[in-house]
Amino acid sequence: MPIPQPGPNDVLVKLIASGICHSDLSAASGDWDIKAPLPFILGHEGIGRIVEFGENVTPEKYNLKLGDLIGIQFIQGTCLKCEFCLDGRETLCTTKSGAYAEYALINADFAVKLPDGLDPFKSAPLYCAGVTMYKALKVSQARSNDWISIVGVGGSLGIKYAKAMGFRVIAIVAEKDQ
């Protein structure tokens, strides 16, 4: 595929790493009822470096510069015009490319600047599992020193977040050896 050209509010990112999320596997194998038109590049756990700005993206406005390490979130910008955006399924917006490629376009408003010392290969999965677990803890309305329970896969990351937020944790697993 050709290298995408940034629109006025986009940044072009040369990708370094991407996690593999179960939702991407489901979409690729056709398990979803919703089918995005092809070509559709999957991947929403990416990390890369900015290589080009759209004409409206300035370092002053966005606190971004060429070479910055950034993360790619599940929603990295939407057009609000395609059939998916108009139907409330923005995660399938056909105007944004995913992280399973050499390059991706991201709306500058959704670009998350990361510290340079961060290991992209260890950090990429945080953009789905990490954000999902963090959001669940934030909206739980639990306060520091409250007891919470964490059930199932992904729990170890949730336990780390919960402890950092001051919660007391009960971990629940179904397997005897865990």
Foldseek 3Di string as FASTA:
>chain_A
DDQDDEAQQKFKWFWDDFDDDVVQVCQVVVVDPDHADPPAADTQLIKGFTQDHHNNDDCVVLVDDGGFIWTGALQQDAPCPDPCNVVVNRSRHRPWHHRPDRMTMGRSVRTGTDDPVDDRHVRSVCRPLVVVLLVCVVVVPDAAAAEDEDEDPSVVSNVVNCVVRRYHYDYDYDDPVD
